[in-house]
Amino acid sequence: LDFTFNRSTESGFIAGIELRQPNGQKFPSAWRVGEAICLAARVHGLLTRPVLDTVVLMPPLSTSLAELDHALTALDFTFSANPGIDIGPASA
């Protein structure tokens, strides 16, 4: 599957990364792309949650900077390990 970042939203410590097809279209819900990415992140020790094709990161308020760094590194490895994922700037 080819992915691209559609947008990211943040509220406090909660962040959502919305994934779309390279043409900007949503994925068919049966493909469960968000779930696949969240499962792949577990290999790197990161628990995230999918909401359709949005990967949600919700670290606890007591999270240290080192733990946040680990979470972002795990997401980077997850996206990089899946062919076709565009890790460039999100589109507006």
Protein backbone atom coordinates (compact mmCIF):
# COMPACT_ATOMS: atom_id res chain seq x y z
CA LEU A 1 0.00 0.00 0.00
CA ASP A 2 1.12 3.52 -0.70
CA PHE A 3 0.43 6.07 2.04
CA THR A 4 0.75 9.78 2.48
CA PHE A 5 0.18 11.95 5.52
CA ASN A 6 -2.99 13.95 5.12
CA ARG A 7 -2.76 16.01 8.29
CA SER A 8 -1.92 15.85 11.95
CA THR A 9 -3.85 17.36 14.82
CA GLU A 10 -2.81 17.85 18.40
CA SER A 11 -4.60 18.66 21.63
CA GLY A 12 -2.40 18.69 24.70
CA PHE A 13 -0.51 15.40 24.74
CA ILE A 14 -2.85 13.71 22.24
CA ALA A 15 -1.82 13.64 18.58
CA GLY A 16 -3.56 12.14 15.56
CA ILE A 17 -1.79 11.39 12.26
CA GLU A 18 -4.26 10.93 9.43
CA LEU A 19 -3.13 8.70 6.57
CA ARG A 20 -4.50 8.88 3.05
CA GLN A 21 -3.79 7.38 -0.34
CA PRO A 22 -1.23 9.32 -2.43
CA ASN A 23 -4.10 10.83 -4.45
CA GLY A 24 -5.63 12.22 -1.23
CA GLN A 25 -8.53 9.78 -1.11
CA LYS A 26 -9.48 7.91 2.05
CA PHE A 27 -8.69 4.21 2.16
CA PRO A 28 -11.57 1.73 1.97
CA SER A 29 -12.49 0.93 5.59
CA ALA A 30 -12.03 -2.80 4.94
CA TRP A 31 -8.29 -2.20 4.44
CA ARG A 32 -7.87 -1.15 8.11
CA VAL A 33 -4.72 0.83 7.36
CA GLY A 34 -4.65 2.63 10.72
CA GLU A 35 -4.86 -0.69 12.52
CA ALA A 36 -2.00 -2.13 10.45
CA ILE A 37 0.26 0.81 11.30
CA CYS A 38 -0.62 0.62 15.01
CA LEU A 39 0.17 -3.09 15.06
CA ALA A 40 3.48 -2.45 13.31
CA ALA A 41 4.37 0.19 15.94
CA ARG A 42 4.06 -2.44 18.66
CA VAL A 43 7.18 -4.14 17.28
CA HIS A 44 9.04 -1.00 18.41
CA GLY A 45 7.41 -1.00 21.86
CA LEU A 46 4.84 1.70 21.11
CA LEU A 47 1.14 1.36 21.86
CA THR A 48 -1.01 3.57 19.66
CA ARG A 49 -4.65 3.36 18.73
CA PRO A 50 -6.30 3.53 15.34
CA VAL A 51 -9.39 5.58 14.57
CA LEU A 52 -10.07 4.48 10.99
CA ASP A 53 -6.95 5.70 9.15
CA THR A 54 -5.76 8.01 11.90
CA VAL A 55 -2.99 6.84 14.19
CA VAL A 56 -3.59 8.28 17.68
CA LEU A 57 -0.72 8.79 20.12
CA MET A 58 -1.86 9.40 23.72
CA PRO A 59 1.09 9.36 26.13
CA PRO A 60 0.31 9.87 29.83
CA LEU A 61 0.99 13.30 31.33
CA SER A 62 3.83 11.81 33.37
CA THR A 63 5.74 10.81 30.21
CA SER A 64 9.40 11.86 30.28
CA LEU A 65 11.21 13.53 27.39
CA ALA A 66 13.18 10.31 26.85
CA GLU A 67 9.93 8.35 26.57
CA LEU A 68 8.49 10.88 24.10
CA ASP A 69 11.69 10.64 22.09
CA HIS A 70 11.32 6.84 22.06
CA ALA A 71 7.69 7.14 20.90
CA LEU A 72 8.56 9.48 18.03
CA THR A 73 11.52 7.32 17.03
CA ALA A 74 9.26 4.24 17.07
CA LEU A 75 6.74 6.01 14.82
CA ASP A 76 9.54 7.06 12.47
CA PHE A 77 10.81 3.46 12.27
CA THR A 78 7.25 2.19 11.73
CA PHE A 79 6.53 4.57 8.87
CA SER A 80 9.99 4.03 7.34
CA ALA A 81 9.63 0.23 7.52
CA ASN A 82 6.42 0.27 5.47
CA PRO A 83 7.09 0.83 1.77
CA GLY A 84 5.33 3.74 0.16
CA ILE A 85 4.73 5.79 3.28
CA ASP A 86 5.50 9.43 2.63
CA ILE A 87 7.15 10.90 5.74
CA GLY A 88 7.44 14.35 4.23
CA PRO A 89 5.53 17.42 5.42
CA ALA A 90 1.78 16.99 5.90
CA SER A 91 -0.46 18.62 3.35
CA ALA A 92 -2.79 21.41 4.45
